[in-house]
Amino acid sequence: MIIVDRILEQRARQGKDIRVGLVGAGFQGRGIAQQIIDHVPGMRLAAIANRTLPKAIECYRQCGIEPVIANDATSLSAAISDNRPAVTEDALALASCGMLDAIIEVTGSIEHAAGVVLRAIESGIHVVQMNAELDGTVGPILKAKADKAGVVYTFCDGDQPGVQGNLLRFVTGLGVTPVLSGNIKGLHDPYRNPETQKAFAAKWGQNAAMVSSFADGTKISFEQAIVANAYGYRVVRRGMLGPDFSGGDPNSPLVPIEEAIAPFIEHLDPTRPALVDYVVGAKPGPGVFVIGTTPDPQQRHYLNLYKLGEGPYYVFSTPYHLCHFEVPFSVARAVLLGDATLTPRAEAKVGVFAVAKTDLGVGTRISEFGGFEAYGVAENIEVMRRDRLLPIGIALDCRLKVAVAKDTPLTFDMVDVPEGRVIDRLYAEQEELFFGVNSADQIEVDA
């Protein structure tokens, strides 16, 4: 990242490394750990928290480091102060130790992550998210709390929402008005589940349910929702347009994104809020794109000269997203410059609700993102609130009070919500802060 790299090099020369805590030691967590340890001057991975300690230890050992075990805030603070890399099972202790400049949250959980992020904010620690599910459920209230605490709350560089955020800033900086921010995917099938994705997940060392959430539309819905919430954008319809150019064949030739935007054109209106959407089977995949426009005839003349076409709409794209490779840049931006890669602007504009993936009986528990029971669908927040649609981030661990047919949207009235959860409290605060809605009007907790 231009500018940030030079500042990090200067910090390294001065011996003033940014101290980072990592929460989550799964597939992405391991990559982030290695990136920081081996390739980022001026930044120190001070501690890793994971609910299974051996995975946290392995993150260090892959880089030839033997960490100390520290399972309370006092011992964590001592280890960090002594420059001894530490691991812990207690993520709340990590978020409370007071010796960190930032934490990176990369668990993919909801309830656990909500508690950790909230504790970090309360402890005055910057938060870098790689958890679109949490951000897409309660990001606005977490951002409001971070503002009050004087810390940065941000999604990360490298993952597709952050890459879109950077591209949107670039396009806007040119004097071009964005009218759609898009994501490019290779597959969308709402009925994929951990069993259908088991082999792919095993090949790459990933979690099968998480891979399933990439395929069934849950992840793309969250990713575009958090872009929408950062820029005040909307979806044109429930589930977005999502034109598929693959014909269901993952081996079919990819269509250039310049050709793939045709289905969006009739929905673009520079006088209204821009849209978020996605395409399947286009290139550059798995990248992102922005459609922009300008009324300035001279600027259009130059854009045509530079091979972007005659307009009125121009396509800008980034051909890749490099996930864990780029996450440390977000840490540096937050700590050194107070700059958020992608963060909610104010109230949510788009949410993600749960839809039955198959026929579900009374008492069925919604187990996990990408699981066997439900998939997530993006919708404008006013429609979600009007129809009492159940955010899939709230739906996890809820049990159905009624039988539900396949492809039925779930509502708050259909489920029993476990009591005492942080995520419900945060969601209720978010509703009250931005919409003046009492928590009892939305969430009926199962006593």
Protein backbone atom coordinates (compact mmCIF):
# COMPACT_ATOMS: atom_id res chain seq x y z
CA MET A 1 0.00 0.00 0.00
CA ILE A 2 1.55 3.26 -1.14
CA ILE A 3 2.41 5.65 1.75
CA VAL A 4 1.70 3.06 4.46
CA ASP A 5 4.72 0.97 3.45
CA ARG A 6 7.12 3.86 3.99
CA ILE A 7 5.61 4.74 7.36
CA LEU A 8 5.91 1.10 8.48
CA GLU A 9 9.55 1.03 7.41
CA GLN A 10 10.17 4.17 9.44
CA ARG A 11 8.48 2.64 12.49
CA ALA A 12 10.68 -0.43 12.14
CA ARG A 13 13.83 1.72 12.07
CA GLN A 14 12.64 3.56 15.17
CA GLY A 15 11.81 0.33 16.99
CA LYS A 16 8.17 1.39 17.37
CA ASP A 17 6.35 -1.63 15.98
CA ILE A 18 2.56 -1.63 15.87
CA ARG A 19 1.40 -4.28 18.35
CA VAL A 20 -1.33 -6.47 16.91
CA GLY A 21 -3.54 -9.15 18.44
CA LEU A 22 -5.11 -11.79 16.18
CA VAL A 23 -8.43 -13.38 17.11
CA GLY A 24 -8.91 -16.60 15.16
CA ALA A 25 -6.30 -19.10 13.98
CA GLY A 26 -8.14 -20.81 11.13
CA PHE A 27 -7.34 -20.76 7.43
CA GLN A 28 -7.20 -16.97 7.07
CA GLY A 29 -5.75 -16.44 10.54
CA ARG A 30 -2.74 -18.61 9.72
CA GLY A 31 -2.12 -16.62 6.56
CA ILE A 32 -2.39 -13.27 8.36
CA ALA A 33 0.00 -14.47 11.06
CA GLN A 34 2.65 -15.49 8.58
CA GLN A 35 2.23 -12.28 6.58
CA ILE A 36 2.77 -10.06 9.60
CA ILE A 37 5.63 -12.07 11.07
CA ASP A 38 7.60 -12.63 7.88
CA HIS A 39 6.74 -9.74 5.58
CA VAL A 40 5.57 -6.61 7.40
CA PRO A 41 8.26 -4.40 8.93
CA GLY A 42 7.12 -2.10 11.71
CA MET A 43 4.38 -4.46 12.87
CA ARG A 44 4.54 -7.15 15.54
CA LEU A 45 2.07 -9.99 16.02
CA ALA A 46 2.04 -9.74 19.79
CA ALA A 47 -0.55 -12.40 20.62
CA ILE A 48 -3.06 -14.81 19.11
CA ALA A 49 -6.34 -15.91 20.68
CA ASN A 50 -8.11 -19.07 19.57
CA ARG A 51 -10.60 -21.33 21.29
CA THR A 52 -8.37 -24.32 20.51
CA LEU A 53 -4.86 -23.46 21.67
CA PRO A 54 -2.85 -25.80 19.38
CA LYS A 55 -4.01 -23.89 16.30
CA ALA A 56 -2.80 -20.62 17.79
CA ILE A 57 0.54 -22.18 18.67
CA GLU A 58 0.90 -23.54 15.12
CA CYS A 59 0.47 -20.02 13.69
CA TYR A 60 3.71 -19.05 15.40
CA ARG A 61 5.51 -22.33 14.89
CA GLN A 62 5.02 -22.15 11.12
CA CYS A 63 7.30 -19.11 11.30
CA GLY A 64 9.83 -20.73 13.63
CA ILE A 65 8.59 -19.04 16.80
CA GLU A 66 7.71 -20.79 20.07
CA PRO A 67 5.05 -18.73 21.89
CA VAL A 68 4.25 -18.59 25.59
CA ILE A 69 0.82 -19.53 26.88
CA ALA A 70 -0.95 -16.72 28.73
CA ASN A 71 -4.60 -17.23 29.66
CA ASP A 72 -5.40 -14.03 31.53
CA ALA A 73 -5.06 -10.34 30.87
CA THR A 74 -2.25 -9.87 33.39
CA SER A 75 0.03 -12.55 31.94
CA LEU A 76 -0.82 -11.44 28.40
CA SER A 77 0.15 -7.87 29.23
CA ALA A 78 3.42 -9.06 30.77
CA ALA A 79 4.29 -11.20 27.76
CA ILE A 80 3.52 -8.42 25.29
CA SER A 81 5.48 -5.91 27.35
CA ASP A 82 8.49 -8.30 27.36
CA ASN A 83 8.19 -8.83 23.58
CA ARG A 84 7.33 -12.51 24.04
CA PRO A 85 4.79 -13.76 21.46
CA ALA A 86 1.81 -15.17 23.36
CA VAL A 87 -1.16 -17.43 22.73
CA THR A 88 -4.37 -17.67 24.70
CA GLU A 89 -7.74 -19.39 24.70
CA ASP A 90 -9.31 -16.25 26.18
CA ALA A 91 -10.02 -13.76 23.42
CA LEU A 92 -11.75 -11.42 25.88
CA ALA A 93 -8.55 -11.28 27.92
CA LEU A 94 -6.63 -10.42 24.76
CA ALA A 95 -9.09 -7.64 23.99
CA SER A 96 -8.75 -6.32 27.54
CA CYS A 97 -5.01 -6.47 28.17
CA GLY A 98 -4.38 -2.83 27.22
CA MET A 99 -1.06 -3.49 25.47
CA LEU A 100 -2.30 -3.70 21.88
CA ASP A 101 -2.72 -1.05 19.22
CA ALA A 102 -5.19 -3.12 17.18
CA ILE A 103 -6.88 -6.48 16.96
CA ILE A 104 -7.78 -8.37 13.80
CA GLU A 105 -11.02 -10.36 14.14
CA VAL A 106 -11.07 -13.32 11.76
CA THR A 107 -13.16 -16.02 13.44
CA GLY A 108 -16.21 -15.97 11.17
CA SER A 109 -18.35 -16.37 14.30
CA ILE A 110 -21.13 -14.10 15.47
CA GLU A 111 -21.75 -14.28 19.23
CA HIS A 112 -18.12 -14.92 20.15
CA ALA A 113 -16.84 -12.23 17.79
CA ALA A 114 -19.41 -9.69 18.95
CA GLY A 115 -18.22 -9.96 22.55
CA VAL A 116 -14.55 -9.71 21.59
CA VAL A 117 -14.97 -6.72 19.28
CA LEU A 118 -17.11 -4.91 21.83
CA ARG A 119 -14.50 -5.53 24.55
CA ALA A 120 -11.69 -4.28 22.31
CA ILE A 121 -13.56 -1.07 21.52
CA GLU A 122 -14.27 -0.52 25.21
CA SER A 123 -10.55 -1.06 25.89
CA GLY A 124 -9.55 1.61 23.37
CA ILE A 125 -8.16 -0.79 20.76
CA HIS A 126 -8.61 -0.30 17.02
CA VAL A 127 -10.58 -3.11 15.37
CA VAL A 128 -9.89 -4.53 11.91
CA GLN A 129 -12.64 -6.87 10.75
CA MET A 130 -12.35 -9.83 8.44
CA ASN A 131 -15.80 -10.88 9.59
CA ALA A 132 -18.38 -9.70 7.07
CA GLU A 133 -21.11 -11.62 8.88
CA LEU A 134 -20.70 -9.65 12.09
CA ASP A 135 -20.22 -6.34 10.29
CA GLY A 136 -23.29 -6.96 8.12
CA THR A 137 -25.42 -7.62 11.21
CA VAL A 138 -24.32 -5.06 13.80
CA GLY A 139 -21.58 -3.04 12.10
CA PRO A 140 -23.37 0.32 12.45
CA ILE A 141 -23.72 0.10 16.25
CA LEU A 142 -20.12 -1.13 16.60
CA LYS A 143 -18.96 1.83 14.50
CA ALA A 144 -21.00 4.19 16.70
CA LYS A 145 -19.38 2.73 19.81
CA ALA A 146 -15.91 2.95 18.24
CA ASP A 147 -16.48 6.62 17.39
CA LYS A 148 -17.44 7.30 21.00
CA ALA A 149 -14.34 5.47 22.23
CA GLY A 150 -12.08 7.31 19.79
CA VAL A 151 -10.89 4.21 17.90
CA VAL A 152 -11.16 3.00 14.32
CA TYR A 153 -13.59 0.23 13.44
CA THR A 154 -13.02 -1.03 9.89
CA PHE A 155 -13.35 -3.89 7.48
CA CYS A 156 -10.10 -5.01 5.90
CA ASP A 157 -8.11 -4.52 2.75
CA GLY A 158 -7.75 -7.66 0.66
CA ASP A 159 -11.22 -9.12 1.00
CA GLN A 160 -13.64 -8.09 -1.74
CA PRO A 161 -15.60 -5.46 0.23
CA GLY A 162 -12.40 -3.66 1.16
CA VAL A 163 -11.13 -3.88 -2.41
CA GLN A 164 -14.41 -2.35 -3.56
CA GLY A 165 -14.02 0.43 -1.00
CA ASN A 166 -10.55 1.27 -2.31
CA LEU A 167 -11.78 1.20 -5.90
CA LEU A 168 -14.75 3.43 -5.06
CA ARG A 169 -12.40 5.97 -3.49
CA PHE A 170 -10.19 5.84 -6.57
CA VAL A 171 -13.11 6.31 -8.99
CA THR A 172 -14.58 9.15 -6.95
CA GLY A 173 -11.14 10.77 -6.83
CA LEU A 174 -11.15 10.88 -10.63
CA GLY A 175 -14.30 12.99 -10.56
CA VAL A 176 -16.43 10.08 -11.75
CA THR A 177 -19.68 9.33 -9.92
CA PRO A 178 -20.11 5.64 -8.94
CA VAL A 179 -23.55 4.25 -9.74
CA LEU A 180 -22.90 0.58 -8.93
CA SER A 181 -20.31 -1.31 -6.90
CA GLY A 182 -19.99 -4.93 -7.93
CA ASN A 183 -18.48 -8.24 -6.90
CA ILE A 184 -17.41 -10.99 -9.32
CA LYS A 185 -18.09 -14.59 -8.28
CA GLY A 186 -17.53 -17.97 -9.87
CA LEU A 187 -20.53 -19.82 -8.40
CA HIS A 188 -23.95 -19.18 -6.90
CA ASP A 189 -26.19 -22.05 -5.81
CA PRO A 190 -28.34 -21.40 -2.71
CA TYR A 191 -28.70 -25.09 -1.98
CA ARG A 192 -25.02 -25.89 -1.51
CA ASN A 193 -24.20 -27.23 1.95
CA PRO A 194 -21.23 -28.54 3.96
CA GLU A 195 -21.57 -31.97 2.36
CA THR A 196 -21.55 -30.74 -1.25
CA GLN A 197 -18.52 -28.51 -0.49
CA LYS A 198 -16.65 -31.04 1.64
CA ALA A 199 -14.13 -32.11 -1.00
CA PHE A 200 -13.30 -28.56 -2.08
CA ALA A 201 -12.85 -27.47 1.54
CA ALA A 202 -10.57 -30.43 2.27
CA LYS A 203 -8.42 -29.66 -0.78
CA TRP A 204 -7.69 -26.13 0.42
CA GLY A 205 -7.71 -26.75 4.17
CA GLN A 206 -10.85 -24.73 4.76
CA ASN A 207 -14.02 -25.16 6.79
CA ALA A 208 -16.76 -26.86 4.73
CA ALA A 209 -19.60 -24.72 6.09
CA MET A 210 -17.67 -21.52 5.43
CA VAL A 211 -16.98 -22.65 1.86
CA SER A 212 -20.67 -23.47 1.51
CA SER A 213 -21.56 -19.93 2.59
CA PHE A 214 -19.42 -18.63 -0.29
CA ALA A 215 -21.42 -20.77 -2.73
CA ASP A 216 -24.96 -20.43 -1.38
CA GLY A 217 -25.08 -16.62 -1.58
CA THR A 218 -24.76 -15.84 2.11
CA LYS A 219 -21.25 -14.45 1.84
CA ILE A 220 -21.89 -12.38 -1.28
CA SER A 221 -24.98 -10.94 0.41
CA PHE A 222 -22.99 -9.90 3.47
CA GLU A 223 -20.13 -8.54 1.40
CA GLN A 224 -22.36 -6.30 -0.67
CA ALA A 225 -24.42 -5.29 2.36
CA ILE A 226 -21.39 -3.89 4.15
CA VAL A 227 -20.31 -1.98 1.03
CA ALA A 228 -23.83 -0.56 0.84
CA ASN A 229 -23.75 0.40 4.51
CA ALA A 230 -20.38 2.12 4.10
CA TYR A 231 -21.54 4.29 1.19
CA GLY A 232 -25.30 4.63 1.62
CA TYR A 233 -26.05 2.40 -1.36
CA ARG A 234 -29.02 0.07 -2.02
CA VAL A 235 -29.94 -3.18 -3.75
CA VAL A 236 -32.20 -2.88 -6.77
CA ARG A 237 -34.28 -5.85 -5.64
CA ARG A 238 -34.28 -8.66 -3.07
CA GLY A 239 -31.24 -10.86 -3.63
CA MET A 240 -29.74 -8.38 -6.14
CA LEU A 241 -29.69 -9.06 -9.89
CA GLY A 242 -26.67 -11.34 -9.91
CA PRO A 243 -26.62 -12.19 -13.63
CA ASP A 244 -24.96 -15.55 -14.26
CA PHE A 245 -22.83 -15.90 -17.39
CA SER A 246 -21.43 -19.31 -16.53
CA GLY A 247 -24.51 -21.28 -17.60
CA GLY A 248 -23.90 -23.41 -14.55
CA ASP A 249 -20.62 -24.65 -15.99
CA PRO A 250 -17.59 -23.65 -13.89
CA ASN A 251 -15.35 -24.44 -16.87
CA SER A 252 -17.13 -22.13 -19.31
CA PRO A 253 -15.14 -19.16 -20.69
CA LEU A 254 -15.43 -16.01 -18.61
CA VAL A 255 -17.25 -13.01 -20.05
CA PRO A 256 -15.37 -9.67 -19.79
CA ILE A 257 -16.96 -7.49 -17.16
CA GLU A 258 -17.48 -4.73 -19.75
CA GLU A 259 -19.91 -7.08 -21.54
CA ALA A 260 -21.44 -8.45 -18.34
CA ILE A 261 -22.77 -5.11 -17.11
CA ALA A 262 -25.59 -4.94 -19.67
CA PRO A 263 -28.29 -6.28 -17.27
CA PHE A 264 -27.52 -3.44 -14.84
CA ILE A 265 -27.75 -0.51 -17.24
CA GLU A 266 -31.50 0.08 -17.11
CA HIS A 267 -31.35 0.24 -13.30
CA LEU A 268 -28.62 2.87 -13.07
CA ASP A 269 -29.60 6.41 -12.13
CA PRO A 270 -26.96 9.01 -11.16
CA THR A 271 -29.64 11.06 -9.38
CA ARG A 272 -30.42 8.26 -6.90
CA PRO A 273 -28.29 6.28 -4.40
CA ALA A 274 -25.89 3.92 -6.13
CA LEU A 275 -26.43 0.15 -6.11
CA VAL A 276 -24.50 -2.87 -4.95
CA ASP A 277 -24.71 -6.11 -6.93
CA TYR A 278 -22.65 -8.96 -8.32
CA VAL A 279 -22.09 -11.10 -11.40
CA VAL A 280 -21.26 -14.79 -11.79
CA GLY A 281 -18.93 -16.11 -14.47
CA ALA A 282 -17.27 -12.85 -15.51
CA LYS A 283 -13.68 -11.69 -15.56
CA PRO A 284 -11.57 -10.41 -13.98
CA GLY A 285 -12.50 -13.04 -11.44
CA PRO A 286 -12.49 -13.16 -8.52
CA GLY A 287 -12.21 -9.40 -8.64
CA VAL A 288 -14.49 -6.41 -8.19
CA PHE A 289 -15.79 -3.61 -10.38
CA VAL A 290 -17.34 -0.17 -10.20
CA ILE A 291 -19.61 1.39 -12.81
CA GLY A 292 -19.32 5.16 -12.90
CA THR A 293 -20.50 8.08 -14.98
CA THR A 294 -19.78 11.76 -15.55
CA PRO A 295 -21.80 14.48 -17.30
CA ASP A 296 -18.63 16.40 -18.20
CA PRO A 297 -18.11 16.12 -21.99
CA GLN A 298 -14.39 16.89 -21.70
CA GLN A 299 -13.87 14.16 -19.11
CA ARG A 300 -15.82 11.73 -21.30
CA HIS A 301 -13.57 12.66 -24.21
CA TYR A 302 -10.49 11.78 -22.14
CA LEU A 303 -11.99 8.56 -20.80
CA ASN A 304 -12.68 7.49 -24.36
CA LEU A 305 -9.11 8.35 -25.32
CA TYR A 306 -7.86 6.14 -22.47
CA LYS A 307 -9.85 3.17 -23.80
CA LEU A 308 -12.75 3.20 -21.34
CA GLY A 309 -15.31 3.75 -24.07
CA GLU A 310 -17.71 6.47 -25.10
CA GLY A 311 -19.90 6.23 -22.01
CA PRO A 312 -22.12 7.32 -20.48
CA TYR A 313 -21.11 4.45 -18.17
CA TYR A 314 -17.52 3.41 -17.54
CA VAL A 315 -16.28 0.20 -15.92
CA PHE A 316 -13.34 0.19 -13.53
CA SER A 317 -12.12 -3.11 -12.11
CA THR A 318 -9.58 -4.69 -9.82
CA PRO A 319 -8.65 -8.16 -11.08
CA TYR A 320 -7.98 -9.86 -7.74
CA HIS A 321 -8.48 -9.81 -4.01
CA LEU A 322 -5.56 -11.09 -1.99
CA CYS A 323 -7.27 -11.52 1.39
CA HIS A 324 -4.72 -12.11 4.15
CA PHE A 325 -1.83 -10.58 2.18
CA GLU A 326 -3.41 -7.13 2.43
CA VAL A 327 -4.98 -7.21 5.90
CA PRO A 328 -1.90 -5.68 7.62
CA PHE A 329 -2.33 -2.57 5.46
CA SER A 330 -5.69 -1.97 7.15
CA VAL A 331 -4.05 -2.24 10.56
CA ALA A 332 -1.46 0.33 9.54
CA ARG A 333 -4.08 2.66 8.06
CA ALA A 334 -6.12 2.52 11.26
CA VAL A 335 -3.27 2.89 13.75
CA LEU A 336 -1.00 5.30 11.89
CA LEU A 337 -3.47 7.40 9.90
CA GLY A 338 -6.84 6.95 11.60
CA ASP A 339 -8.15 5.79 8.23
CA ALA A 340 -10.84 3.13 7.84
CA THR A 341 -10.70 0.92 4.77
CA LEU A 342 -14.47 0.35 4.89
CA THR A 343 -16.78 1.27 7.73
CA PRO A 344 -20.54 1.90 8.15
CA ARG A 345 -21.53 5.45 7.34
CA ALA A 346 -24.44 5.60 9.79
CA GLU A 347 -27.53 3.38 9.90
CA ALA A 348 -27.69 0.18 7.88
CA LYS A 349 -29.03 0.51 4.34
CA VAL A 350 -28.92 -3.19 3.41
CA GLY A 351 -29.24 -6.27 5.60
CA VAL A 352 -29.06 -10.04 5.12
CA PHE A 353 -31.97 -12.22 6.18
CA ALA A 354 -32.37 -15.97 6.49
CA VAL A 355 -34.22 -18.16 3.97
CA ALA A 356 -34.99 -21.85 4.45
CA LYS A 357 -32.56 -23.96 2.42
CA THR A 358 -34.85 -26.98 2.68
CA ASP A 359 -38.15 -27.90 4.37
CA LEU A 360 -37.63 -27.29 8.09
CA GLY A 361 -39.61 -28.81 10.95
CA VAL A 362 -40.63 -27.39 14.31
CA GLY A 363 -37.64 -27.27 16.66
CA THR A 364 -35.03 -27.13 13.90
CA ARG A 365 -31.95 -25.21 15.00
CA ILE A 366 -30.24 -22.85 12.55
CA SER A 367 -26.71 -24.11 13.01
CA GLU A 368 -24.17 -22.03 11.07
CA PHE A 369 -23.53 -19.84 8.05
CA GLY A 370 -23.46 -22.09 5.00
CA GLY A 371 -25.14 -24.88 6.96
CA PHE A 372 -27.91 -27.25 5.98
CA GLU A 373 -30.82 -25.11 7.19
CA ALA A 374 -30.65 -21.58 5.74
CA TYR A 375 -28.97 -19.25 3.29
CA GLY A 376 -28.66 -15.48 3.44
CA VAL A 377 -30.28 -12.98 1.05
CA ALA A 378 -29.61 -9.24 0.79
CA GLU A 379 -32.50 -6.81 1.09
CA ASN A 380 -32.96 -3.08 1.69
CA ILE A 381 -33.22 -2.49 5.40
CA GLU A 382 -36.59 -0.75 5.34
CA VAL A 383 -38.14 -3.83 3.73
CA MET A 384 -36.49 -6.13 6.27
CA ARG A 385 -37.85 -4.04 9.11
CA ARG A 386 -41.32 -3.73 7.56
CA ASP A 387 -41.65 -7.48 7.04
CA ARG A 388 -39.83 -8.44 10.28
CA LEU A 389 -37.37 -10.52 8.29
CA LEU A 390 -34.91 -12.36 10.53
CA PRO A 391 -31.25 -11.37 9.98
CA ILE A 392 -29.28 -14.54 9.44
CA GLY A 393 -26.71 -13.26 11.92
CA ILE A 394 -29.45 -13.30 14.57
CA ALA A 395 -30.89 -16.60 13.28
CA LEU A 396 -27.90 -18.72 14.29
CA ASP A 397 -28.79 -20.99 17.24
CA CYS A 398 -32.45 -19.98 17.04
CA ARG A 399 -35.05 -22.77 16.85
CA LEU A 400 -38.15 -22.76 14.68
CA LYS A 401 -41.53 -22.49 16.40
CA VAL A 402 -43.33 -23.47 13.19
CA ALA A 403 -42.67 -25.70 10.20
CA VAL A 404 -41.25 -23.78 7.23
CA ALA A 405 -41.18 -24.76 3.56
CA LYS A 406 -38.05 -24.56 1.42
CA ASP A 407 -37.21 -21.04 0.17
CA THR A 408 -39.47 -19.37 2.75
CA PRO A 409 -38.06 -16.17 4.27
CA LEU A 410 -37.72 -16.51 8.04
CA THR A 411 -39.15 -13.85 10.33
CA PHE A 412 -38.68 -12.97 13.98
CA ASP A 413 -42.12 -14.45 14.70
CA MET A 414 -41.05 -17.91 13.47
CA VAL A 415 -38.23 -18.53 15.94
CA ASP A 416 -37.30 -18.75 19.59
CA VAL A 417 -34.21 -16.65 20.30
CA PRO A 418 -31.74 -17.83 22.98
CA GLU A 419 -31.52 -15.50 25.95
CA GLY A 420 -28.56 -13.51 27.14
CA ARG A 421 -26.74 -13.08 23.83
CA VAL A 422 -24.48 -10.14 23.09
CA ILE A 423 -25.50 -10.11 19.41
CA ASP A 424 -29.18 -9.56 20.28
CA ARG A 425 -28.33 -6.74 22.66
CA LEU A 426 -26.21 -5.04 20.02
CA TYR A 427 -28.86 -5.47 17.34
CA ALA A 428 -31.51 -4.03 19.68
CA GLU A 429 -29.25 -1.05 20.44
CA GLN A 430 -28.71 -0.56 16.73
CA GLU A 431 -32.45 -0.56 16.03
CA GLU A 432 -33.11 1.89 18.85
CA LEU A 433 -30.23 4.24 17.96
CA PHE A 434 -30.99 4.54 14.26
CA PHE A 435 -34.70 3.77 14.02
CA GLY A 436 -36.08 4.52 17.50
CA VAL A 437 -37.38 0.97 17.86
CA ASN A 438 -37.58 -0.65 21.29
CA SER A 439 -35.83 -4.04 21.39
CA ALA A 440 -39.03 -5.82 22.44
CA ASP A 441 -40.62 -4.76 19.17
CA GLN A 442 -38.16 -6.89 17.22
CA ILE A 443 -36.61 -9.67 19.30
CA GLU A 444 -38.72 -11.97 21.45
CA VAL A 445 -36.26 -13.85 23.63
CA ASP A 446 -36.98 -17.46 24.55
CA ALA A 447 -37.13 -17.52 28.33
